[in-house]
C-alpha atoms as a PDB file:
ATOM      1  CA  UNK A   1      13.695  45.677  -2.213  1.00  0.00           C
ATOM      2  CA  UNK A   2      10.456  46.023  -3.552  1.00  0.00           C
ATOM      3  CA  UNK A   3      10.575  45.498  -7.687  1.00  0.00           C
ATOM      4  CA  UNK A   4       8.010  47.176  -9.822  1.00  0.00           C
ATOM      5  CA  UNK A   5       6.793  44.581 -12.382  1.00  0.00           C
ATOM      6  CA  UNK A   6       8.118  45.115 -15.683  1.00  0.00           C
ATOM      7  CA  UNK A   7       4.877  45.961 -17.659  1.00  0.00           C
ATOM      8  CA  UNK A   8       6.260  45.543 -21.226  1.00  0.00           C
ATOM      9  CA  UNK A   9       6.446  41.393 -19.873  1.00  0.00           C
ATOM     10  CA  UNK A  10       4.416  39.116 -21.541  1.00  0.00           C
ATOM     11  CA  UNK A  11       1.609  36.937 -20.432  1.00  0.00           C
ATOM     12  CA  UNK A  12       1.664  33.334 -21.127  1.00  0.00           C
ATOM     13  CA  UNK A  13      -1.303  32.737 -22.829  1.00  0.00           C
ATOM     14  CA  UNK A  14      -3.955  29.945 -21.216  1.00  0.00           C
ATOM     15  CA  UNK A  15      -5.551  27.401 -22.956  1.00  0.00           C
ATOM     16  CA  UNK A  16      -8.376  24.876 -22.266  1.00  0.00           C
ATOM     17  CA  UNK A  17      -8.444  20.880 -23.111  1.00  0.00           C
ATOM     18  CA  UNK A  18     -11.361  18.597 -22.969  1.00  0.00           C
ATOM     19  CA  UNK A  19     -10.971  14.920 -21.953  1.00  0.00           C
ATOM     20  CA  UNK A  20     -14.326  13.585 -23.473  1.00  0.00           C
ATOM     21  CA  UNK A  21     -14.762  10.142 -22.674  1.00  0.00           C
ATOM     22  CA  UNK A  22     -17.676   7.519 -23.446  1.00  0.00           C
ATOM     23  CA  UNK A  23     -18.584   3.735 -23.611  1.00  0.00           C
ATOM     24  CA  UNK A  24     -18.967   2.612 -26.600  1.00  0.00           C
ATOM     25  CA  UNK A  25     -18.538  -1.175 -27.915  1.00  0.00           C
ATOM     26  CA  UNK A  26     -17.541  -2.462 -24.594  1.00  0.00           C
ATOM     27  CA  UNK A  27     -14.908   0.109 -24.384  1.00  0.00           C
ATOM     28  CA  UNK A  28     -14.318   3.369 -23.260  1.00  0.00           C
ATOM     29  CA  UNK A  29     -13.125   5.637 -25.406  1.00  0.00           C
ATOM     30  CA  UNK A  30     -11.809   9.593 -25.916  1.00  0.00           C
ATOM     31  CA  UNK A  31     -12.867  12.065 -28.172  1.00  0.00           C
ATOM     32  CA  UNK A  32      -9.780  13.596 -30.334  1.00  0.00           C
ATOM     33  CA  UNK A  33      -9.211  15.733 -33.367  1.00  0.00           C
ATOM     34  CA  UNK A  34      -6.404  15.681 -35.368  1.00  0.00           C
ATOM     35  CA  UNK A  35      -4.447  18.971 -36.071  1.00  0.00           C
ATOM     36  CA  UNK A  36      -4.325  20.752 -39.464  1.00  0.00           C
ATOM     37  CA  UNK A  37      -0.834  23.047 -38.802  1.00  0.00           C
ATOM     38  CA  UNK A  38       2.481  23.285 -36.315  1.00  0.00           C
ATOM     39  CA  UNK A  39       2.991  22.463 -33.660  1.00  0.00           C
ATOM     40  CA  UNK A  40       2.462  19.029 -34.314  1.00  0.00           C
ATOM     41  CA  UNK A  41       0.296  19.080 -37.187  1.00  0.00           C
ATOM     42  CA  UNK A  42      -0.422  15.802 -38.395  1.00  0.00           C
ATOM     43  CA  UNK A  43      -1.161  14.541 -34.285  1.00  0.00           C
ATOM     44  CA  UNK A  44      -3.945  13.738 -32.384  1.00  0.00           C
ATOM     45  CA  UNK A  45      -5.138  15.937 -29.682  1.00  0.00           C
ATOM     46  CA  UNK A  46      -7.766  17.204 -27.104  1.00  0.00           C
ATOM     47  CA  UNK A  47     -10.093  19.187 -28.139  1.00  0.00           C
ATOM     48  CA  UNK A  48      -9.815  23.086 -26.874  1.00  0.00           C
ATOM     49  CA  UNK A  49      -8.257  26.122 -27.441  1.00  0.00           C
ATOM     50  CA  UNK A  50      -7.279  29.542 -26.634  1.00  0.00           C
ATOM     51  CA  UNK A  51      -8.952  31.219 -23.030  1.00  0.00           C
ATOM     52  CA  UNK A  52      -9.994  35.160 -24.507  1.00  0.00           C
ATOM     53  CA  UNK A  53      -9.772  37.819 -21.960  1.00  0.00           C
ATOM     54  CA  UNK A  54     -13.523  37.836 -21.541  1.00  0.00           C
ATOM     55  CA  UNK A  55     -14.550  34.596 -20.613  1.00  0.00           C
ATOM     56  CA  UNK A  56     -14.768  32.253 -17.924  1.00  0.00           C
ATOM     57  CA  UNK A  57     -13.012  28.662 -18.428  1.00  0.00           C
ATOM     58  CA  UNK A  58     -16.099  27.018 -18.414  1.00  0.00           C
ATOM     59  CA  UNK A  59     -17.335  29.462 -20.717  1.00  0.00           C
ATOM     60  CA  UNK A  60     -14.257  29.056 -23.069  1.00  0.00           C
ATOM     61  CA  UNK A  61     -14.134  25.547 -22.460  1.00  0.00           C
ATOM     62  CA  UNK A  62     -17.937  25.040 -23.616  1.00  0.00           C
ATOM     63  CA  UNK A  63     -17.324  27.083 -26.690  1.00  0.00           C
ATOM     64  CA  UNK A  64     -14.262  24.922 -28.040  1.00  0.00           C
ATOM     65  CA  UNK A  65     -16.778  21.583 -27.239  1.00  0.00           C
ATOM     66  CA  UNK A  66     -19.338  23.503 -29.590  1.00  0.00           C
ATOM     67  CA  UNK A  67     -16.984  23.656 -32.318  1.00  0.00           C
ATOM     68  CA  UNK A  68     -16.155  20.051 -31.799  1.00  0.00           C
ATOM     69  CA  UNK A  69     -19.030  18.157 -30.286  1.00  0.00           C
ATOM     70  CA  UNK A  70     -22.541  19.142 -29.814  1.00  0.00           C
ATOM     71  CA  UNK A  71     -22.332  19.738 -26.238  1.00  0.00           C
ATOM     72  CA  UNK A  72     -25.793  19.376 -25.216  1.00  0.00           C
ATOM     73  CA  UNK A  73     -24.662  15.580 -25.640  1.00  0.00           C
ATOM     74  CA  UNK A  74     -22.115  16.353 -22.574  1.00  0.00           C
ATOM     75  CA  UNK A  75     -23.903  15.131 -19.860  1.00  0.00           C
ATOM     76  CA  UNK A  76     -21.042  15.685 -17.414  1.00  0.00           C
ATOM     77  CA  UNK A  77     -18.124  18.839 -17.285  1.00  0.00           C
ATOM     78  CA  UNK A  78     -15.746  19.622 -14.472  1.00  0.00           C
ATOM     79  CA  UNK A  79     -12.582  21.126 -14.326  1.00  0.00           C
ATOM     80  CA  UNK A  80      -9.744  17.983 -13.712  1.00  0.00           C
ATOM     81  CA  UNK A  81      -6.593  20.059 -13.244  1.00  0.00           C
ATOM     82  CA  UNK A  82      -4.436  22.940 -14.150  1.00  0.00           C
ATOM     83  CA  UNK A  83      -0.800  22.523 -16.354  1.00  0.00           C
ATOM     84  CA  UNK A  84       2.091  24.855 -15.810  1.00  0.00           C
ATOM     85  CA  UNK A  85       5.138  23.520 -17.160  1.00  0.00           C
ATOM     86  CA  UNK A  86       6.973  26.184 -18.826  1.00  0.00           C
ATOM     87  CA  UNK A  87       8.256  23.598 -21.320  1.00  0.00           C
ATOM     88  CA  UNK A  88       4.760  22.181 -22.175  1.00  0.00           C
ATOM     89  CA  UNK A  89       4.868  23.616 -25.211  1.00  0.00           C
ATOM     90  CA  UNK A  90       7.470  24.096 -27.795  1.00  0.00           C
ATOM     91  CA  UNK A  91       6.515  27.576 -28.665  1.00  0.00           C
ATOM     92  CA  UNK A  92       5.385  30.499 -26.588  1.00  0.00           C
ATOM     93  CA  UNK A  93       4.603  29.603 -22.574  1.00  0.00           C
ATOM     94  CA  UNK A  94       0.833  28.139 -22.309  1.00  0.00           C
ATOM     95  CA  UNK A  95      -0.870  27.185 -18.715  1.00  0.00           C
ATOM     96  CA  UNK A  96      -3.633  24.607 -19.860  1.00  0.00           C
ATOM     97  CA  UNK A  97      -6.500  23.668 -18.065  1.00  0.00           C
ATOM     98  CA  UNK A  98      -8.135  20.583 -18.506  1.00  0.00           C
ATOM     99  CA  UNK A  99     -11.713  19.248 -18.067  1.00  0.00           C
ATOM    100  CA  UNK A 100     -13.503  15.857 -17.813  1.00  0.00           C
ATOM    101  CA  UNK A 101     -16.280  15.471 -20.069  1.00  0.00           C
ATOM    102  CA  UNK A 102     -18.557  12.559 -20.061  1.00  0.00           C
ATOM    103  CA  UNK A 103     -21.402  11.525 -22.842  1.00  0.00           C
ATOM    104  CA  UNK A 104     -24.052   8.678 -22.039  1.00  0.00           C
ATOM    105  CA  UNK A 105     -23.926   5.350 -24.169  1.00  0.00           C
ATOM    106  CA  UNK A 106     -27.388   5.883 -26.348  1.00  0.00           C
ATOM    107  CA  UNK A 107     -25.816   9.791 -27.463  1.00  0.00           C
ATOM    108  CA  UNK A 108     -23.985  10.159 -30.854  1.00  0.00           C
ATOM    109  CA  UNK A 109     -23.345  13.376 -31.130  1.00  0.00           C
ATOM    110  CA  UNK A 110     -22.293  14.592 -34.819  1.00  0.00           C
ATOM    111  CA  UNK A 111     -18.123  15.342 -34.996  1.00  0.00           C
ATOM    112  CA  UNK A 112     -16.217  17.379 -37.827  1.00  0.00           C
ATOM    113  CA  UNK A 113     -14.443  15.298 -40.367  1.00  0.00           C
ATOM    114  CA  UNK A 114     -10.298  15.909 -38.800  1.00  0.00           C
ATOM    115  CA  UNK A 115     -12.428  14.509 -35.022  1.00  0.00           C
ATOM    116  CA  UNK A 116     -12.704  10.781 -34.140  1.00  0.00           C
ATOM    117  CA  UNK A 117     -13.296   8.906 -30.880  1.00  0.00           C
ATOM    118  CA  UNK A 118     -10.119   6.342 -29.994  1.00  0.00           C
ATOM    119  CA  UNK A 119     -10.420   3.338 -27.189  1.00  0.00           C
ATOM    120  CA  UNK A 120      -8.279   4.969 -24.347  1.00  0.00           C
ATOM    121  CA  UNK A 121      -5.868   1.381 -24.368  1.00  0.00           C
ATOM    122  CA  UNK A 122      -5.138   2.067 -27.906  1.00  0.00           C
ATOM    123  CA  UNK A 123      -4.339   5.958 -28.240  1.00  0.00           C
ATOM    124  CA  UNK A 124      -2.210   7.259 -30.963  1.00  0.00           C
ATOM    125  CA  UNK A 125       0.705   9.636 -30.485  1.00  0.00           C
ATOM    126  CA  UNK A 126      -0.693  12.528 -28.199  1.00  0.00           C
ATOM    127  CA  UNK A 127       0.631  16.491 -29.088  1.00  0.00           C
ATOM    128  CA  UNK A 128       1.739  17.979 -26.030  1.00  0.00           C
ATOM    129  CA  UNK A 129       1.278  16.511 -22.750  1.00  0.00           C
ATOM    130  CA  UNK A 130      -2.673  15.475 -23.866  1.00  0.00           C
ATOM    131  CA  UNK A 131      -2.102  11.456 -22.790  1.00  0.00           C
ATOM    132  CA  UNK A 132      -0.828  12.053 -19.286  1.00  0.00           C
ATOM    133  CA  UNK A 133      -4.143  14.869 -19.100  1.00  0.00           C
ATOM    134  CA  UNK A 134      -6.297  11.928 -20.947  1.00  0.00           C
ATOM    135  CA  UNK A 135      -5.261   9.530 -18.413  1.00  0.00           C
ATOM    136  CA  UNK A 136      -5.726  11.548 -15.329  1.00  0.00           C
ATOM    137  CA  UNK A 137      -9.178  12.011 -16.956  1.00  0.00           C
ATOM    138  CA  UNK A 138      -9.760   7.989 -16.643  1.00  0.00           C
ATOM    139  CA  UNK A 139      -8.619   7.906 -13.453  1.00  0.00           C
ATOM    140  CA  UNK A 140     -10.746  10.636 -12.072  1.00  0.00           C
ATOM    141  CA  UNK A 141     -13.884   8.828 -14.022  1.00  0.00           C
ATOM    142  CA  UNK A 142     -13.027   5.662 -11.812  1.00  0.00           C
ATOM    143  CA  UNK A 143     -12.214   6.839  -8.492  1.00  0.00           C
ATOM    144  CA  UNK A 144     -16.064   8.734  -8.950  1.00  0.00           C
ATOM    145  CA  UNK A 145     -17.209   5.850 -10.292  1.00  0.00           C
ATOM    146  CA  UNK A 146     -17.087   4.244  -6.888  1.00  0.00           C
ATOM    147  CA  UNK A 147     -17.967   7.121  -4.358  1.00  0.00           C
ATOM    148  CA  UNK A 148     -20.330   9.125  -6.816  1.00  0.00           C
ATOM    149  CA  UNK A 149     -23.624   8.913  -8.880  1.00  0.00           C
ATOM    150  CA  UNK A 150     -21.499   9.551 -11.720  1.00  0.00           C
ATOM    151  CA  UNK A 151     -22.531   6.430 -13.696  1.00  0.00           C
ATOM    152  CA  UNK A 152     -25.620   8.693 -14.571  1.00  0.00           C
ATOM    153  CA  UNK A 153     -23.748  10.536 -17.175  1.00  0.00           C
ATOM    154  CA  UNK A 154     -22.348   6.916 -18.893  1.00  0.00           C
ATOM    155  CA  UNK A 155     -25.233   5.668 -19.010  1.00  0.00           C
ATOM    156  CA  UNK A 156     -28.812   5.833 -21.254  1.00  0.00           C
ATOM    157  CA  UNK A 157     -31.968   7.076 -19.606  1.00  0.00           C
ATOM    158  CA  UNK A 158     -33.089   3.686 -18.794  1.00  0.00           C
ATOM    159  CA  UNK A 159     -30.910   0.101 -19.042  1.00  0.00           C
ATOM    160  CA  UNK A 160     -30.993  -2.858 -17.316  1.00  0.00           C
ATOM    161  CA  UNK A 161     -28.328  -4.133 -15.088  1.00  0.00           C
ATOM    162  CA  UNK A 162     -26.713  -6.615 -17.338  1.00  0.00           C
ATOM    163  CA  UNK A 163     -25.935  -3.440 -19.198  1.00  0.00           C
ATOM    164  CA  UNK A 164     -24.681  -0.815 -16.512  1.00  0.00           C
ATOM    165  CA  UNK A 165     -22.324  -3.615 -15.617  1.00  0.00           C
ATOM    166  CA  UNK A 166     -20.987  -3.385 -19.057  1.00  0.00           C
ATOM    167  CA  UNK A 167     -20.696   0.145 -18.805  1.00  0.00           C
ATOM    168  CA  UNK A 168     -18.974   0.301 -15.918  1.00  0.00           C
ATOM    169  CA  UNK A 169     -16.829  -2.864 -16.507  1.00  0.00           C
ATOM    170  CA  UNK A 170     -15.336  -0.951 -19.831  1.00  0.00           C
ATOM    171  CA  UNK A 171     -14.541   2.662 -17.768  1.00  0.00           C
ATOM    172  CA  UNK A 172     -13.294   0.797 -14.298  1.00  0.00           C
ATOM    173  CA  UNK A 173     -11.106  -2.111 -16.850  1.00  0.00           C
ATOM    174  CA  UNK A 174     -12.070  -4.847 -14.759  1.00  0.00           C
ATOM    175  CA  UNK A 175     -15.257  -7.056 -14.163  1.00  0.00           C
ATOM    176  CA  UNK A 176     -17.960  -5.993 -12.429  1.00  0.00           C
ATOM    177  CA  UNK A 177     -20.810  -8.173 -11.377  1.00  0.00           C
ATOM    178  CA  UNK A 178     -23.917  -7.258 -12.374  1.00  0.00           C
ATOM    179  CA  UNK A 179     -25.727  -8.774  -8.916  1.00  0.00           C
ATOM    180  CA  UNK A 180     -22.962  -6.599  -6.697  1.00  0.00           C
ATOM    181  CA  UNK A 181     -23.135  -3.656  -8.625  1.00  0.00           C
ATOM    182  CA  UNK A 182     -27.447  -3.828  -8.296  1.00  0.00           C
ATOM    183  CA  UNK A 183     -27.059  -4.461  -4.530  1.00  0.00           C
ATOM    184  CA  UNK A 184     -24.339  -1.534  -4.180  1.00  0.00           C
ATOM    185  CA  UNK A 185     -26.417   1.164  -6.143  1.00  0.00           C
ATOM    186  CA  UNK A 186     -29.707  -0.054  -4.626  1.00  0.00           C
ATOM    187  CA  UNK A 187     -29.053   0.054  -1.370  1.00  0.00           C
ATOM    188  CA  UNK A 188     -27.194   4.015  -1.798  1.00  0.00           C
ATOM    189  CA  UNK A 189     -30.532   4.627  -3.261  1.00  0.00           C
ATOM    190  CA  UNK A 190     -29.470   5.628  -6.306  1.00  0.00           C
ATOM    191  CA  UNK A 191     -31.382   3.792  -8.634  1.00  0.00           C
ATOM    192  CA  UNK A 192     -35.194   3.048  -9.673  1.00  0.00           C
ATOM    193  CA  UNK A 193     -37.152   0.953 -11.306  1.00  0.00           C
ATOM    194  CA  UNK A 194     -38.450   1.952 -14.365  1.00  0.00           C
ATOM    195  CA  UNK A 195     -41.618  -0.063 -14.146  1.00  0.00           C
ATOM    196  CA  UNK A 196     -40.923  -1.307 -18.013  1.00  0.00           C
ATOM    197  CA  UNK A 197     -39.137  -4.369 -18.647  1.00  0.00           C
ATOM    198  CA  UNK A 198     -36.625  -5.433 -21.813  1.00  0.00           C
ATOM    199  CA  UNK A 199     -37.142  -8.798 -23.600  1.00  0.00           C
ATOM    200  CA  UNK A 200     -34.223  -9.892 -25.368  1.00  0.00           C
ATOM    201  CA  UNK A 201     -34.531 -12.341 -28.642  1.00  0.00           C
ATOM    202  CA  UNK A 202     -37.605 -15.014 -28.687  1.00  0.00           C
ATOM    203  CA  UNK A 203     -36.831 -17.057 -26.204  1.00  0.00           C
ATOM    204  CA  UNK A 204     -39.047 -17.444 -23.153  1.00  0.00           C
ATOM    205  CA  UNK A 205     -37.304 -15.806 -20.463  1.00  0.00           C
ATOM    206  CA  UNK A 206     -37.603 -13.530 -18.120  1.00  0.00           C
ATOM    207  CA  UNK A 207     -37.492  -9.562 -19.159  1.00  0.00           C
ATOM    208  CA  UNK A 208     -34.822  -7.718 -17.619  1.00  0.00           C
ATOM    209  CA  UNK A 209     -36.261  -4.771 -15.336  1.00  0.00           C
ATOM    210  CA  UNK A 210     -34.909  -1.161 -16.435  1.00  0.00           C
ATOM    211  CA  UNK A 211     -33.811   1.055 -13.841  1.00  0.00           C
ATOM    212  CA  UNK A 212     -32.478   4.220 -14.087  1.00  0.00           C
ATOM    213  CA  UNK A 213     -30.629   6.646 -11.489  1.00  0.00           C
ATOM    214  CA  UNK A 214     -32.234   9.059  -9.487  1.00  0.00           C
ATOM    215  CA  UNK A 215     -30.309  11.460 -10.115  1.00  0.00           C
ATOM    216  CA  UNK A 216     -28.472  13.457 -12.840  1.00  0.00           C
ATOM    217  CA  UNK A 217     -26.817  16.120 -10.314  1.00  0.00           C
ATOM    218  CA  UNK A 218     -23.231  14.770  -8.997  1.00  0.00           C
ATOM    219  CA  UNK A 219     -23.439  13.835  -5.646  1.00  0.00           C
ATOM    220  CA  UNK A 220     -20.638  11.860  -3.025  1.00  0.00           C
ATOM    221  CA  UNK A 221     -22.843   8.893  -1.893  1.00  0.00           C
ATOM    222  CA  UNK A 222     -19.943   6.954  -0.229  1.00  0.00           C
ATOM    223  CA  UNK A 223     -17.337   8.574   0.512  1.00  0.00           C
ATOM    224  CA  UNK A 224     -14.658   5.737   0.980  1.00  0.00           C
ATOM    225  CA  UNK A 225     -15.789   3.342  -1.483  1.00  0.00           C
ATOM    226  CA  UNK A 226     -13.827   1.771  -3.954  1.00  0.00           C
ATOM    227  CA  UNK A 227     -14.818  -0.785  -6.637  1.00  0.00           C
ATOM    228  CA  UNK A 228     -12.518  -3.337  -6.865  1.00  0.00           C
ATOM    229  CA  UNK A 229     -11.925  -5.956  -9.239  1.00  0.00           C
ATOM    230  CA  UNK A 230     -13.087  -9.465  -8.159  1.00  0.00           C
ATOM    231  CA  UNK A 231     -10.826 -11.613  -6.398  1.00  0.00           C
ATOM    232  CA  UNK A 232      -9.538 -14.665  -8.053  1.00  0.00           C
ATOM    233  CA  UNK A 233      -9.106 -17.639  -5.331  1.00  0.00           C
ATOM    234  CA  UNK A 234      -6.313 -20.269  -6.587  1.00  0.00           C
END
């Protein structure tokens, strides 16, 4: 028999969260803010907040990010996952939709006093289920660096291959050869020569060519590609 839903039943709240990542000082870093009230007062957490009735998920995420970081500096934002475990929040039930956001290396967005960048490999204890969400964001990034042009969202507007290698190495968590990376990205027509060069120091070494990504729109470039760690021959 069909049962009419109880109109007085409470609807679960819905929050949006952002795992915002960047590469700085050779490390992959995440943006976290320190909660000022219970639950988890004093704990670090992903930036985000309540979804309002008149907002889309994307609109809500951009609004909350604007409170923590200059969203003009976020070069990429995509939906990551939705968490719906009834026990994920110690209070009333709350669903959470998480996003992956990326900031290029040369950007330095202003953040409030309660917000800090933390190395992903040295995270403090995080509130709720934010640590697995953040680690899922890292894995999404690593996967897409292999088969898309997503490196554009972490790199500055112009870069040497050595600089781009350092970005990929920090994000992927393993060594990357600048020569191999250059060959792969040029073969996929993802990079172009800017015509400019960068000279390091006062030595007489050959100036390094400056490249840029051809597009700053996400594209699948090699569906089955994987940037693997170098093989160690014993």
